Amino acid sequence: MSFTFFRADNGKSIICRVMGPMTASTAVEFAKEMDLLSQVHKINRFLTDVRDAPNTSSAMENLNFTQNDMKNLDLQKNVRAAILIRPRDRSHDFVEFATQNAGYNVRLFDDEVAAISWLEE
């Protein structure tokens, strides 16, 4: 698994591309870095591209990530985060649900243009 970060061309969002299977521990790794980049660059819009990273964690691992890991990392809640998935990839659905229930503004998209549009609202 690997991930890369860069700012969007318009400078309004941070993009993270994840390659390889997505696990809760992967999410902890890039969430820490993304949160730090957000604070340094004063950007609170995120696009996480997981089209090449199906979620392989169990529901319990995902729930632990959203209920415990995110809280322990003290991640900002004043963000808007789009998760870009492959069409018909349902492996990230529970993460969206659990993350929203933890108080984060997160949505799944399978259309990159729609995701970017939502981030820029």
PDB file of N, CA and C in Angstrom:
ATOM      1  N   MET A   1       0.834  -1.173   0.000  1.00  0.00           N
ATOM      2  CA  MET A   1       0.000   0.000   0.000  1.00  0.00           C
ATOM      3  C   MET A   1       0.878   1.235   0.000  1.00  0.00           C
ATOM      4  N   SER A   2       0.468   2.221  -0.760  1.00  0.00           N
ATOM      5  CA  SER A   2       1.165   3.496  -0.745  1.00  0.00           C
ATOM      6  C   SER A   2       0.143   4.602  -0.971  1.00  0.00           C
ATOM      7  N   PHE A   3       0.534   5.805  -0.614  1.00  0.00           N
ATOM      8  CA  PHE A   3      -0.326   6.948  -0.878  1.00  0.00           C
ATOM      9  C   PHE A   3       0.537   8.163  -1.164  1.00  0.00           C
ATOM     10  N   THR A   4      -0.035   9.079  -1.945  1.00  0.00           N
ATOM     11  CA  THR A   4       0.646  10.319  -2.283  1.00  0.00           C
ATOM     12  C   THR A   4      -0.313  11.477  -2.041  1.00  0.00           C
ATOM     13  N   PHE A   5       0.264  12.626  -1.711  1.00  0.00           N
ATOM     14  CA  PHE A   5      -0.511  13.831  -1.458  1.00  0.00           C
ATOM     15  C   PHE A   5      -0.086  14.928  -2.419  1.00  0.00           C
ATOM     16  N   PHE A   6      -1.028  15.760  -2.799  1.00  0.00           N
ATOM     17  CA  PHE A   6      -0.730  16.981  -3.529  1.00  0.00           C
ATOM     18  C   PHE A   6      -1.921  17.906  -3.414  1.00  0.00           C
ATOM     19  N   ARG A   7      -1.672  19.185  -3.665  1.00  0.00           N
ATOM     20  CA  ARG A   7      -2.762  20.150  -3.662  1.00  0.00           C
ATOM     21  C   ARG A   7      -3.415  20.175  -5.029  1.00  0.00           C
ATOM     22  N   ALA A   8      -4.715  20.398  -5.036  1.00  0.00           N
ATOM     23  CA  ALA A   8      -5.441  20.524  -6.298  1.00  0.00           C
ATOM     24  C   ALA A   8      -4.885  21.710  -7.071  1.00  0.00           C
ATOM     25  N   ASP A   9      -5.062  21.691  -8.365  1.00  0.00           N
ATOM     26  CA  ASP A   9      -4.557  22.776  -9.216  1.00  0.00           C
ATOM     27  C   ASP A   9      -5.050  24.140  -8.758  1.00  0.00           C
ATOM     28  N   ASN A  10      -6.290  24.200  -8.261  1.00  0.00           N
ATOM     29  CA  ASN A  10      -6.836  25.484  -7.814  1.00  0.00           C
ATOM     30  C   ASN A  10      -6.413  25.835  -6.387  1.00  0.00           C
ATOM     31  N   GLY A  11      -5.681  24.931  -5.713  1.00  0.00           N
ATOM     32  CA  GLY A  11      -5.173  25.181  -4.371  1.00  0.00           C
ATOM     33  C   GLY A  11      -6.212  25.110  -3.266  1.00  0.00           C
ATOM     34  N   LYS A  12      -7.437  24.679  -3.600  1.00  0.00           N
ATOM     35  CA  LYS A  12      -8.521  24.693  -2.620  1.00  0.00           C
ATOM     36  C   LYS A  12      -8.723  23.378  -1.884  1.00  0.00           C
ATOM     37  N   SER A  13      -8.048  22.325  -2.300  1.00  0.00           N
ATOM     38  CA  SER A  13      -8.208  21.038  -1.621  1.00  0.00           C
ATOM     39  C   SER A  13      -6.905  20.257  -1.640  1.00  0.00           C
ATOM     40  N   ILE A  14      -6.834  19.322  -0.719  1.00  0.00           N
ATOM     41  CA  ILE A  14      -5.706  18.392  -0.645  1.00  0.00           C
ATOM     42  C   ILE A  14      -6.196  17.062  -1.191  1.00  0.00           C
ATOM     43  N   ILE A  15      -5.413  16.493  -2.082  1.00  0.00           N
ATOM     44  CA  ILE A  15      -5.773  15.225  -2.708  1.00  0.00           C
ATOM     45  C   ILE A  15      -4.824  14.146  -2.204  1.00  0.00           C
ATOM     46  N   CYS A  16      -5.411  13.021  -1.850  1.00  0.00           N
ATOM     47  CA  CYS A  16      -4.635  11.849  -1.436  1.00  0.00           C
ATOM     48  C   CYS A  16      -5.026  10.699  -2.351  1.00  0.00           C
ATOM     49  N   ARG A  17      -4.049  10.128  -3.045  1.00  0.00           N
ATOM     50  CA  ARG A  17      -4.282   8.947  -3.873  1.00  0.00           C
ATOM     51  C   ARG A  17      -3.733   7.740  -3.126  1.00  0.00           C
ATOM     52  N   VAL A  18      -4.605   6.758  -2.928  1.00  0.00           N
ATOM     53  CA  VAL A  18      -4.223   5.540  -2.212  1.00  0.00           C
ATOM     54  C   VAL A  18      -4.147   4.404  -3.223  1.00  0.00           C
ATOM     55  N   MET A  19      -3.052   3.647  -3.162  1.00  0.00           N
ATOM     56  CA  MET A  19      -2.849   2.515  -4.061  1.00  0.00           C
ATOM     57  C   MET A  19      -2.685   1.262  -3.214  1.00  0.00           C
ATOM     58  N   GLY A  20      -3.408   0.236  -3.552  1.00  0.00           N
ATOM     59  CA  GLY A  20      -3.323  -1.018  -2.810  1.00  0.00           C
ATOM     60  C   GLY A  20      -4.458  -1.123  -1.826  1.00  0.00           C
ATOM     61  N   PRO A  21      -4.615  -2.255  -1.202  1.00  0.00           N
ATOM     62  CA  PRO A  21      -5.745  -2.474  -0.300  1.00  0.00           C
ATOM     63  C   PRO A  21      -5.819  -1.440   0.824  1.00  0.00           C
ATOM     64  N   MET A  22      -7.020  -0.943   1.053  1.00  0.00           N
ATOM     65  CA  MET A  22      -7.264   0.025   2.127  1.00  0.00           C
ATOM     66  C   MET A  22      -7.604  -0.741   3.402  1.00  0.00           C
ATOM     67  N   THR A  23      -6.884  -0.409   4.455  1.00  0.00           N
ATOM     68  CA  THR A  23      -7.166  -0.980   5.769  1.00  0.00           C
ATOM     69  C   THR A  23      -7.333   0.167   6.758  1.00  0.00           C
ATOM     70  N   ALA A  24      -7.819  -0.152   7.934  1.00  0.00           N
ATOM     71  CA  ALA A  24      -7.962   0.880   8.966  1.00  0.00           C
ATOM     72  C   ALA A  24      -6.591   1.461   9.319  1.00  0.00           C
ATOM     73  N   SER A  25      -5.560   0.647   9.359  1.00  0.00           N
ATOM     74  CA  SER A  25      -4.227   1.177   9.694  1.00  0.00           C
ATOM     75  C   SER A  25      -3.709   2.089   8.582  1.00  0.00           C
ATOM     76  N   THR A  26      -4.034   1.785   7.323  1.00  0.00           N
ATOM     77  CA  THR A  26      -3.690   2.677   6.218  1.00  0.00           C
ATOM     78  C   THR A  26      -4.383   4.018   6.414  1.00  0.00           C
ATOM     79  N   ALA A  27      -5.657   3.956   6.767  1.00  0.00           N
ATOM     80  CA  ALA A  27      -6.434   5.184   6.967  1.00  0.00           C
ATOM     81  C   ALA A  27      -5.842   6.031   8.093  1.00  0.00           C
ATOM     82  N   VAL A  28      -5.379   5.404   9.155  1.00  0.00           N
ATOM     83  CA  VAL A  28      -4.743   6.147  10.254  1.00  0.00           C
ATOM     84  C   VAL A  28      -3.508   6.865   9.731  1.00  0.00           C
ATOM     85  N   GLU A  29      -2.690   6.168   8.948  1.00  0.00           N
ATOM     86  CA  GLU A  29      -1.454   6.756   8.423  1.00  0.00           C
ATOM     87  C   GLU A  29      -1.727   7.997   7.581  1.00  0.00           C
ATOM     88  N   PHE A  30      -2.625   7.875   6.592  1.00  0.00           N
ATOM     89  CA  PHE A  30      -2.812   9.037   5.724  1.00  0.00           C
ATOM     90  C   PHE A  30      -3.680  10.100   6.373  1.00  0.00           C
ATOM     91  N   ALA A  31      -4.551   9.739   7.313  1.00  0.00           N
ATOM     92  CA  ALA A  31      -5.363  10.750   8.006  1.00  0.00           C
ATOM     93  C   ALA A  31      -4.483  11.695   8.816  1.00  0.00           C
ATOM     94  N   LYS A  32      -3.463  11.144   9.475  1.00  0.00           N
ATOM     95  CA  LYS A  32      -2.536  11.994  10.244  1.00  0.00           C
ATOM     96  C   LYS A  32      -1.841  12.991   9.323  1.00  0.00           C
ATOM     97  N   GLU A  33      -1.325  12.492   8.211  1.00  0.00           N
ATOM     98  CA  GLU A  33      -0.598  13.368   7.286  1.00  0.00           C
ATOM     99  C   GLU A  33      -1.521  14.392   6.635  1.00  0.00           C
ATOM    100  N   MET A  34      -2.719  13.954   6.255  1.00  0.00           N
ATOM    101  CA  MET A  34      -3.661  14.857   5.621  1.00  0.00           C
ATOM    102  C   MET A  34      -4.086  15.965   6.584  1.00  0.00           C
ATOM    103  N   ASP A  35      -4.305  15.612   7.837  1.00  0.00           N
ATOM    104  CA  ASP A  35      -4.698  16.597   8.837  1.00  0.00           C
ATOM    105  C   ASP A  35      -3.578  17.619   9.043  1.00  0.00           C
ATOM    106  N   LEU A  36      -2.349  17.156   9.100  1.00  0.00           N
ATOM    107  CA  LEU A  36      -1.209  18.061   9.256  1.00  0.00           C
ATOM    108  C   LEU A  36      -1.077  18.992   8.047  1.00  0.00           C
ATOM    109  N   LEU A  37      -1.170  18.440   6.844  1.00  0.00           N
ATOM    110  CA  LEU A  37      -1.110  19.273   5.636  1.00  0.00           C
ATOM    111  C   LEU A  37      -2.233  20.301   5.629  1.00  0.00           C
ATOM    112  N   SER A  38      -3.392  19.900   6.076  1.00  0.00           N
ATOM    113  CA  SER A  38      -4.538  20.802   6.145  1.00  0.00           C
ATOM    114  C   SER A  38      -4.248  21.997   7.043  1.00  0.00           C
ATOM    115  N   GLN A  39      -3.662  21.723   8.182  1.00  0.00           N
ATOM    116  CA  GLN A  39      -3.366  22.800   9.121  1.00  0.00           C
ATOM    117  C   GLN A  39      -2.236  23.705   8.600  1.00  0.00           C
ATOM    118  N   VAL A  40      -1.220  23.110   8.013  1.00  0.00           N
ATOM    119  CA  VAL A  40      -0.090  23.893   7.493  1.00  0.00           C
ATOM    120  C   VAL A  40      -0.534  24.808   6.356  1.00  0.00           C
ATOM    121  N   HIS A  41      -1.357  24.280   5.442  1.00  0.00           N
ATOM    122  CA  HIS A  41      -1.762  25.034   4.253  1.00  0.00           C
ATOM    123  C   HIS A  41      -3.106  25.742   4.417  1.00  0.00           C
ATOM    124  N   LYS A  42      -3.740  25.564   5.584  1.00  0.00           N
ATOM    125  CA  LYS A  42      -5.037  26.194   5.857  1.00  0.00           C
ATOM    126  C   LYS A  42      -6.079  25.811   4.801  1.00  0.00           C
ATOM    127  N   ILE A  43      -6.149  24.511   4.525  1.00  0.00           N
ATOM    128  CA  ILE A  43      -7.104  23.958   3.560  1.00  0.00           C
ATOM    129  C   ILE A  43      -7.952  22.927   4.304  1.00  0.00           C
ATOM    130  N   ASN A  44      -9.281  23.053   4.188  1.00  0.00           N
ATOM    131  CA  ASN A  44     -10.141  22.102   4.896  1.00  0.00           C
ATOM    132  C   ASN A  44     -11.029  21.296   3.949  1.00  0.00           C
ATOM    133  N   ARG A  45     -10.571  21.117   2.724  1.00  0.00           N
ATOM    134  CA  ARG A  45     -11.263  20.288   1.741  1.00  0.00           C
ATOM    135  C   ARG A  45     -10.321  19.174   1.325  1.00  0.00           C
ATOM    136  N   PHE A  46     -10.837  17.933   1.365  1.00  0.00           N
ATOM    137  CA  PHE A  46     -10.020  16.762   1.049  1.00  0.00           C
ATOM    138  C   PHE A  46     -10.691  15.912  -0.026  1.00  0.00           C
ATOM    139  N   LEU A  47      -9.890  15.411  -0.941  1.00  0.00           N
ATOM    140  CA  LEU A  47     -10.342  14.404  -1.900  1.00  0.00           C
ATOM    141  C   LEU A  47      -9.437  13.197  -1.717  1.00  0.00           C
ATOM    142  N   THR A  48     -10.016  12.100  -1.284  1.00  0.00           N
ATOM    143  CA  THR A  48      -9.257  10.864  -1.120  1.00  0.00           C
ATOM    144  C   THR A  48      -9.673   9.914  -2.234  1.00  0.00           C
ATOM    145  N   ASP A  49      -8.736   9.613  -3.106  1.00  0.00           N
ATOM    146  CA  ASP A  49      -8.979   8.765  -4.271  1.00  0.00           C
ATOM    147  C   ASP A  49      -8.613   7.329  -3.908  1.00  0.00           C
ATOM    148  N   VAL A  50      -9.649   6.505  -3.722  1.00  0.00           N
ATOM    149  CA  VAL A  50      -9.430   5.097  -3.375  1.00  0.00           C
ATOM    150  C   VAL A  50      -9.920   4.174  -4.497  1.00  0.00           C
ATOM    151  N   ARG A  51      -9.915   4.695  -5.715  1.00  0.00           N
ATOM    152  CA  ARG A  51     -10.375   3.866  -6.846  1.00  0.00           C
ATOM    153  C   ARG A  51      -9.504   2.634  -7.033  1.00  0.00           C
ATOM    154  N   ASP A  52      -8.247   2.708  -6.605  1.00  0.00           N
ATOM    155  CA  ASP A  52      -7.349   1.551  -6.699  1.00  0.00           C
ATOM    156  C   ASP A  52      -7.035   0.994  -5.324  1.00  0.00           C
ATOM    157  N   ALA A  53      -7.973   1.183  -4.378  1.00  0.00           N
ATOM    158  CA  ALA A  53      -7.740   0.757  -2.989  1.00  0.00           C
ATOM    159  C   ALA A  53      -9.037   0.252  -2.366  1.00  0.00           C
ATOM    160  N   PRO A  54      -9.461  -0.955  -2.712  1.00  0.00           N
ATOM    161  CA  PRO A  54     -10.675  -1.480  -2.072  1.00  0.00           C
ATOM    162  C   PRO A  54     -10.466  -1.646  -0.570  1.00  0.00           C
ATOM    163  N   ASN A  55     -11.510  -1.382   0.185  1.00  0.00           N
ATOM    164  CA  ASN A  55     -11.439  -1.502   1.644  1.00  0.00           C
ATOM    165  C   ASN A  55     -11.469  -2.984   2.017  1.00  0.00           C
ATOM    166  N   THR A  56     -10.443  -3.437   2.697  1.00  0.00           N
ATOM    167  CA  THR A  56     -10.367  -4.846   3.101  1.00  0.00           C
ATOM    168  C   THR A  56     -10.571  -5.036   4.598  1.00  0.00           C
ATOM    169  N   SER A  57     -10.837  -3.949   5.324  1.00  0.00           N
ATOM    170  CA  SER A  57     -11.053  -4.051   6.771  1.00  0.00           C
ATOM    171  C   SER A  57     -12.460  -4.559   7.070  1.00  0.00           C
ATOM    172  N   SER A  58     -12.598  -5.193   8.214  1.00  0.00           N
ATOM    173  CA  SER A  58     -13.914  -5.657   8.659  1.00  0.00           C
ATOM    174  C   SER A  58     -14.732  -4.469   9.147  1.00  0.00           C
ATOM    175  N   ALA A  59     -16.015  -4.677   9.318  1.00  0.00           N
ATOM    176  CA  ALA A  59     -16.883  -3.618   9.853  1.00  0.00           C
ATOM    177  C   ALA A  59     -16.398  -3.181  11.232  1.00  0.00           C
ATOM    178  N   MET A  60     -15.959  -4.111  12.056  1.00  0.00           N
ATOM    179  CA  MET A  60     -15.474  -3.752  13.393  1.00  0.00           C
ATOM    180  C   MET A  60     -14.193  -2.931  13.323  1.00  0.00           C
ATOM    181  N   GLU A  61     -13.292  -3.272  12.422  1.00  0.00           N
ATOM    182  CA  GLU A  61     -12.064  -2.482  12.253  1.00  0.00           C
ATOM    183  C   GLU A  61     -12.393  -1.071  11.765  1.00  0.00           C
ATOM    184  N   ASN A  62     -13.333  -0.977  10.828  1.00  0.00           N
ATOM    185  CA  ASN A  62     -13.750   0.340  10.338  1.00  0.00           C
ATOM    186  C   ASN A  62     -14.431   1.145  11.437  1.00  0.00           C
ATOM    187  N   LEU A  63     -15.254   0.501  12.243  1.00  0.00           N
ATOM    188  CA  LEU A  63     -15.923   1.188  13.337  1.00  0.00           C
ATOM    189  C   LEU A  63     -14.903   1.668  14.366  1.00  0.00           C
ATOM    190  N   ASN A  64     -13.931   0.842  14.684  1.00  0.00           N
ATOM    191  CA  ASN A  64     -12.875   1.244  15.619  1.00  0.00           C
ATOM    192  C   ASN A  64     -12.104   2.452  15.067  1.00  0.00           C
ATOM    193  N   PHE A  65     -11.842   2.454  13.757  1.00  0.00           N
ATOM    194  CA  PHE A  65     -11.153   3.589  13.150  1.00  0.00           C
ATOM    195  C   PHE A  65     -11.972   4.865  13.328  1.00  0.00           C
ATOM    196  N   THR A  66     -13.256   4.810  13.000  1.00  0.00           N
ATOM    197  CA  THR A  66     -14.066   6.031  13.047  1.00  0.00           C
ATOM    198  C   THR A  66     -14.412   6.461  14.462  1.00  0.00           C
ATOM    199  N   GLN A  67     -14.560   5.520  15.375  1.00  0.00           N
ATOM    200  CA  GLN A  67     -14.968   5.860  16.742  1.00  0.00           C
ATOM    201  C   GLN A  67     -13.788   6.108  17.679  1.00  0.00           C
ATOM    202  N   ASN A  68     -12.671   5.452  17.448  1.00  0.00           N
ATOM    203  CA  ASN A  68     -11.532   5.557  18.365  1.00  0.00           C
ATOM    204  C   ASN A  68     -10.304   6.212  17.737  1.00  0.00           C
ATOM    205  N   ASP A  69      -9.841   5.648  16.614  1.00  0.00           N
ATOM    206  CA  ASP A  69      -8.615   6.171  16.008  1.00  0.00           C
ATOM    207  C   ASP A  69      -8.757   7.640  15.619  1.00  0.00           C
ATOM    208  N   MET A  70      -9.856   7.987  14.963  1.00  0.00           N
ATOM    209  CA  MET A  70     -10.033   9.378  14.532  1.00  0.00           C
ATOM    210  C   MET A  70     -10.116  10.309  15.742  1.00  0.00           C
ATOM    211  N   LYS A  71     -10.753   9.851  16.787  1.00  0.00           N
ATOM    212  CA  LYS A  71     -10.859  10.659  18.014  1.00  0.00           C
ATOM    213  C   LYS A  71      -9.480  10.805  18.660  1.00  0.00           C
ATOM    214  N   ASN A  72      -8.731   9.713  18.758  1.00  0.00           N
ATOM    215  CA  ASN A  72      -7.395   9.760  19.367  1.00  0.00           C
ATOM    216  C   ASN A  72      -6.419  10.610  18.565  1.00  0.00           C
ATOM    217  N   LEU A  73      -6.602  10.665  17.242  1.00  0.00           N
ATOM    218  CA  LEU A  73      -5.759  11.504  16.397  1.00  0.00           C
ATOM    219  C   LEU A  73      -6.150  12.974  16.505  1.00  0.00           C
ATOM    220  N   ASP A  74      -7.289  13.227  17.116  1.00  0.00           N
ATOM    221  CA  ASP A  74      -7.804  14.595  17.280  1.00  0.00           C
ATOM    222  C   ASP A  74      -7.913  15.295  15.928  1.00  0.00           C
ATOM    223  N   LEU A  75      -8.499  14.582  14.969  1.00  0.00           N
ATOM    224  CA  LEU A  75      -8.661  15.134  13.626  1.00  0.00           C
ATOM    225  C   LEU A  75      -9.688  16.266  13.633  1.00  0.00           C
ATOM    226  N   GLN A  76      -9.439  17.258  12.805  1.00  0.00           N
ATOM    227  CA  GLN A  76     -10.360  18.379  12.672  1.00  0.00           C
ATOM    228  C   GLN A  76     -11.724  17.899  12.177  1.00  0.00           C
ATOM    229  N   LYS A  77     -12.764  18.506  12.692  1.00  0.00           N
ATOM    230  CA  LYS A  77     -14.104  18.162  12.221  1.00  0.00           C
ATOM    231  C   LYS A  77     -14.679  19.213  11.281  1.00  0.00           C
ATOM    232  N   ASN A  78     -14.006  20.339  11.144  1.00  0.00           N
ATOM    233  CA  ASN A  78     -14.512  21.401  10.274  1.00  0.00           C
ATOM    234  C   ASN A  78     -14.008  21.235   8.845  1.00  0.00           C
ATOM    235  N   VAL A  79     -14.047  20.009   8.353  1.00  0.00           N
ATOM    236  CA  VAL A  79     -13.567  19.705   7.011  1.00  0.00           C
ATOM    237  C   VAL A  79     -14.715  19.176   6.150  1.00  0.00           C
ATOM    238  N   ARG A  80     -14.473  19.170   4.873  1.00  0.00           N
ATOM    239  CA  ARG A  80     -15.371  18.528   3.914  1.00  0.00           C
ATOM    240  C   ARG A  80     -14.497  17.539   3.153  1.00  0.00           C
ATOM    241  N   ALA A  81     -14.873  16.267   3.192  1.00  0.00           N
ATOM    242  CA  ALA A  81     -14.033  15.226   2.603  1.00  0.00           C
ATOM    243  C   ALA A  81     -14.833  14.369   1.619  1.00  0.00           C
ATOM    244  N   ALA A  82     -14.361  14.322   0.391  1.00  0.00           N
ATOM    245  CA  ALA A  82     -14.947  13.466  -0.633  1.00  0.00           C
ATOM    246  C   ALA A  82     -14.047  12.243  -0.795  1.00  0.00           C
ATOM    247  N   ILE A  83     -14.668  11.086  -0.857  1.00  0.00           N
ATOM    248  CA  ILE A  83     -13.938   9.841  -1.095  1.00  0.00           C
ATOM    249  C   ILE A  83     -14.348   9.351  -2.479  1.00  0.00           C
ATOM    250  N   LEU A  84     -13.376   9.268  -3.375  1.00  0.00           N
ATOM    251  CA  LEU A  84     -13.631   8.876  -4.752  1.00  0.00           C
ATOM    252  C   LEU A  84     -13.412   7.374  -4.892  1.00  0.00           C
ATOM    253  N   ILE A  85     -14.501   6.668  -5.227  1.00  0.00           N
ATOM    254  CA  ILE A  85     -14.471   5.202  -5.330  1.00  0.00           C
ATOM    255  C   ILE A  85     -14.711   4.775  -6.779  1.00  0.00           C
ATOM    256  N   ARG A  86     -14.420   3.524  -7.049  1.00  0.00           N
ATOM    257  CA  ARG A  86     -14.769   2.947  -8.352  1.00  0.00           C
ATOM    258  C   ARG A  86     -16.285   2.746  -8.394  1.00  0.00           C
ATOM    259  N   PRO A  87     -16.876   2.907  -9.565  1.00  0.00           N
ATOM    260  CA  PRO A  87     -18.307   2.584  -9.664  1.00  0.00           C
ATOM    261  C   PRO A  87     -18.560   1.152  -9.200  1.00  0.00           C
ATOM    262  N   ARG A  88     -19.598   0.984  -8.468  1.00  0.00           N
ATOM    263  CA  ARG A  88     -20.065  -0.316  -7.920  1.00  0.00           C
ATOM    264  C   ARG A  88     -19.166  -0.883  -6.826  1.00  0.00           C
ATOM    265  N   ASP A  89     -18.171  -0.125  -6.353  1.00  0.00           N
ATOM    266  CA  ASP A  89     -17.360  -0.575  -5.210  1.00  0.00           C
ATOM    267  C   ASP A  89     -18.114  -0.185  -3.942  1.00  0.00           C
ATOM    268  N   ARG A  90     -18.644  -1.144  -3.241  1.00  0.00           N
ATOM    269  CA  ARG A  90     -19.423  -0.884  -2.030  1.00  0.00           C
ATOM    270  C   ARG A  90     -18.583  -1.110  -0.767  1.00  0.00           C
ATOM    271  N   SER A  91     -17.288  -1.370  -0.936  1.00  0.00           N
ATOM    272  CA  SER A  91     -16.454  -1.707   0.222  1.00  0.00           C
ATOM    273  C   SER A  91     -16.217  -0.525   1.156  1.00  0.00           C
ATOM    274  N   HIS A  92     -16.495   0.689   0.697  1.00  0.00           N
ATOM    275  CA  HIS A  92     -16.274   1.882   1.521  1.00  0.00           C
ATOM    276  C   HIS A  92     -17.565   2.435   2.131  1.00  0.00           C
ATOM    277  N   ASP A  93     -18.693   1.815   1.837  1.00  0.00           N
ATOM    278  CA  ASP A  93     -19.989   2.328   2.292  1.00  0.00           C
ATOM    279  C   ASP A  93     -20.075   2.463   3.807  1.00  0.00           C
ATOM    280  N   PHE A  94     -19.642   1.453   4.527  1.00  0.00           N
ATOM    281  CA  PHE A  94     -19.753   1.497   5.992  1.00  0.00           C
ATOM    282  C   PHE A  94     -18.868   2.594   6.573  1.00  0.00           C
ATOM    283  N   VAL A  95     -17.720   2.835   5.977  1.00  0.00           N
ATOM    284  CA  VAL A  95     -16.826   3.895   6.447  1.00  0.00           C
ATOM    285  C   VAL A  95     -17.523   5.247   6.320  1.00  0.00           C
ATOM    286  N   GLU A  96     -18.198   5.469   5.201  1.00  0.00           N
ATOM    287  CA  GLU A  96     -18.933   6.730   5.024  1.00  0.00           C
ATOM    288  C   GLU A  96     -19.977   6.883   6.129  1.00  0.00           C
ATOM    289  N   PHE A  97     -20.767   5.859   6.342  1.00  0.00           N
ATOM    290  CA  PHE A  97     -21.819   5.882   7.360  1.00  0.00           C
ATOM    291  C   PHE A  97     -21.246   6.127   8.758  1.00  0.00           C
ATOM    292  N   ALA A  98     -20.226   5.366   9.129  1.00  0.00           N
ATOM    293  CA  ALA A  98     -19.659   5.477  10.479  1.00  0.00           C
ATOM    294  C   ALA A  98     -18.946   6.812  10.681  1.00  0.00           C
ATOM    295  N   THR A  99     -18.282   7.310   9.647  1.00  0.00           N
ATOM    296  CA  THR A  99     -17.580   8.587   9.749  1.00  0.00           C
ATOM    297  C   THR A  99     -18.576   9.731   9.893  1.00  0.00           C
ATOM    298  N   GLN A 100     -19.651   9.693   9.134  1.00  0.00           N
ATOM    299  CA  GLN A 100     -20.696  10.705   9.278  1.00  0.00           C
ATOM    300  C   GLN A 100     -21.297  10.661  10.683  1.00  0.00           C
ATOM    301  N   ASN A 101     -21.528   9.467  11.198  1.00  0.00           N
ATOM    302  CA  ASN A 101     -22.081   9.331  12.553  1.00  0.00           C
ATOM    303  C   ASN A 101     -21.114   9.834  13.616  1.00  0.00           C
ATOM    304  N   ALA A 102     -19.827   9.857  13.308  1.00  0.00           N
ATOM    305  CA  ALA A 102     -18.829  10.388  14.250  1.00  0.00           C
ATOM    306  C   ALA A 102     -18.714  11.913  14.142  1.00  0.00           C
ATOM    307  N   GLY A 103     -19.491  12.522  13.246  1.00  0.00           N
ATOM    308  CA  GLY A 103     -19.534  13.973  13.160  1.00  0.00           C
ATOM    309  C   GLY A 103     -18.702  14.608  12.058  1.00  0.00           C
ATOM    310  N   TYR A 104     -18.242  13.812  11.102  1.00  0.00           N
ATOM    311  CA  TYR A 104     -17.424  14.331  10.006  1.00  0.00           C
ATOM    312  C   TYR A 104     -18.263  14.481   8.737  1.00  0.00           C
ATOM    313  N   ASN A 105     -17.956  15.490   7.942  1.00  0.00           N
ATOM    314  CA  ASN A 105     -18.668  15.760   6.699  1.00  0.00           C
ATOM    315  C   ASN A 105     -17.956  15.023   5.564  1.00  0.00           C
ATOM    316  N   VAL A 106     -18.359  13.782   5.353  1.00  0.00           N
ATOM    317  CA  VAL A 106     -17.713  12.887   4.390  1.00  0.00           C
ATOM    318  C   VAL A 106     -18.776  12.334   3.448  1.00  0.00           C
ATOM    319  N   ARG A 107     -18.437  12.271   2.155  1.00  0.00           N
ATOM    320  CA  ARG A 107     -19.344  11.656   1.173  1.00  0.00           C
ATOM    321  C   ARG A 107     -18.553  10.840   0.175  1.00  0.00           C
ATOM    322  N   LEU A 108     -19.162   9.733  -0.254  1.00  0.00           N
ATOM    323  CA  LEU A 108     -18.590   8.898  -1.310  1.00  0.00           C
ATOM    324  C   LEU A 108     -19.072   9.391  -2.673  1.00  0.00           C
ATOM    325  N   PHE A 109     -18.190   9.323  -3.654  1.00  0.00           N
ATOM    326  CA  PHE A 109     -18.520   9.669  -5.035  1.00  0.00           C
ATOM    327  C   PHE A 109     -17.860   8.661  -5.957  1.00  0.00           C
ATOM    328  N   ASP A 110     -18.537   8.325  -7.046  1.00  0.00           N
ATOM    329  CA  ASP A 110     -17.878   7.521  -8.080  1.00  0.00           C
ATOM    330  C   ASP A 110     -17.662   8.350  -9.345  1.00  0.00           C
ATOM    331  N   ASP A 111     -17.893   9.659  -9.228  1.00  0.00           N
ATOM    332  CA  ASP A 111     -17.696  10.600 -10.320  1.00  0.00           C
ATOM    333  C   ASP A 111     -16.786  11.723  -9.815  1.00  0.00           C
ATOM    334  N   GLU A 112     -15.606  11.844 -10.412  1.00  0.00           N
ATOM    335  CA  GLU A 112     -14.620  12.817  -9.940  1.00  0.00           C
ATOM    336  C   GLU A 112     -15.106  14.255 -10.076  1.00  0.00           C
ATOM    337  N   VAL A 113     -15.792  14.572 -11.162  1.00  0.00           N
ATOM    338  CA  VAL A 113     -16.303  15.927 -11.369  1.00  0.00           C
ATOM    339  C   VAL A 113     -17.317  16.277 -10.278  1.00  0.00           C
ATOM    340  N   ALA A 114     -18.206  15.348  -9.957  1.00  0.00           N
ATOM    341  CA  ALA A 114     -19.203  15.585  -8.898  1.00  0.00           C
ATOM    342  C   ALA A 114     -18.523  15.763  -7.558  1.00  0.00           C
ATOM    343  N   ALA A 115     -17.495  14.979  -7.267  1.00  0.00           N
ATOM    344  CA  ALA A 115     -16.769  15.093  -6.005  1.00  0.00           C
ATOM    345  C   ALA A 115     -16.113  16.464  -5.883  1.00  0.00           C
ATOM    346  N   ILE A 116     -15.462  16.897  -6.927  1.00  0.00           N
ATOM    347  CA  ILE A 116     -14.788  18.205  -6.904  1.00  0.00           C
ATOM    348  C   ILE A 116     -15.818  19.333  -6.779  1.00  0.00           C
ATOM    349  N   SER A 117     -16.913  19.213  -7.489  1.00  0.00           N
ATOM    350  CA  SER A 117     -17.965  20.222  -7.404  1.00  0.00           C
ATOM    351  C   SER A 117     -18.491  20.343  -5.975  1.00  0.00           C
ATOM    352  N   TRP A 118     -18.732  19.204  -5.320  1.00  0.00           N
ATOM    353  CA  TRP A 118     -19.211  19.199  -3.943  1.00  0.00           C
ATOM    354  C   TRP A 118     -18.180  19.829  -3.007  1.00  0.00           C
ATOM    355  N   LEU A 119     -16.913  19.533  -3.229  1.00  0.00           N
ATOM    356  CA  LEU A 119     -15.870  20.122  -2.388  1.00  0.00           C
ATOM    357  C   LEU A 119     -15.812  21.650  -2.535  1.00  0.00           C
ATOM    358  N   GLU A 120     -16.115  22.131  -3.720  1.00  0.00           N
ATOM    359  CA  GLU A 120     -15.988  23.564  -3.988  1.00  0.00           C
ATOM    360  C   GLU A 120     -17.247  24.353  -3.655  1.00  0.00           C
ATOM    361  N   GLU A 121     -18.317  23.686  -3.225  1.00  0.00           N
ATOM    362  CA  GLU A 121     -19.556  24.397  -2.854  1.00  0.00           C
ATOM    363  C   GLU A 121     -19.292  25.354  -1.719  1.00  0.00           C
TER     364      GLU A 121
END
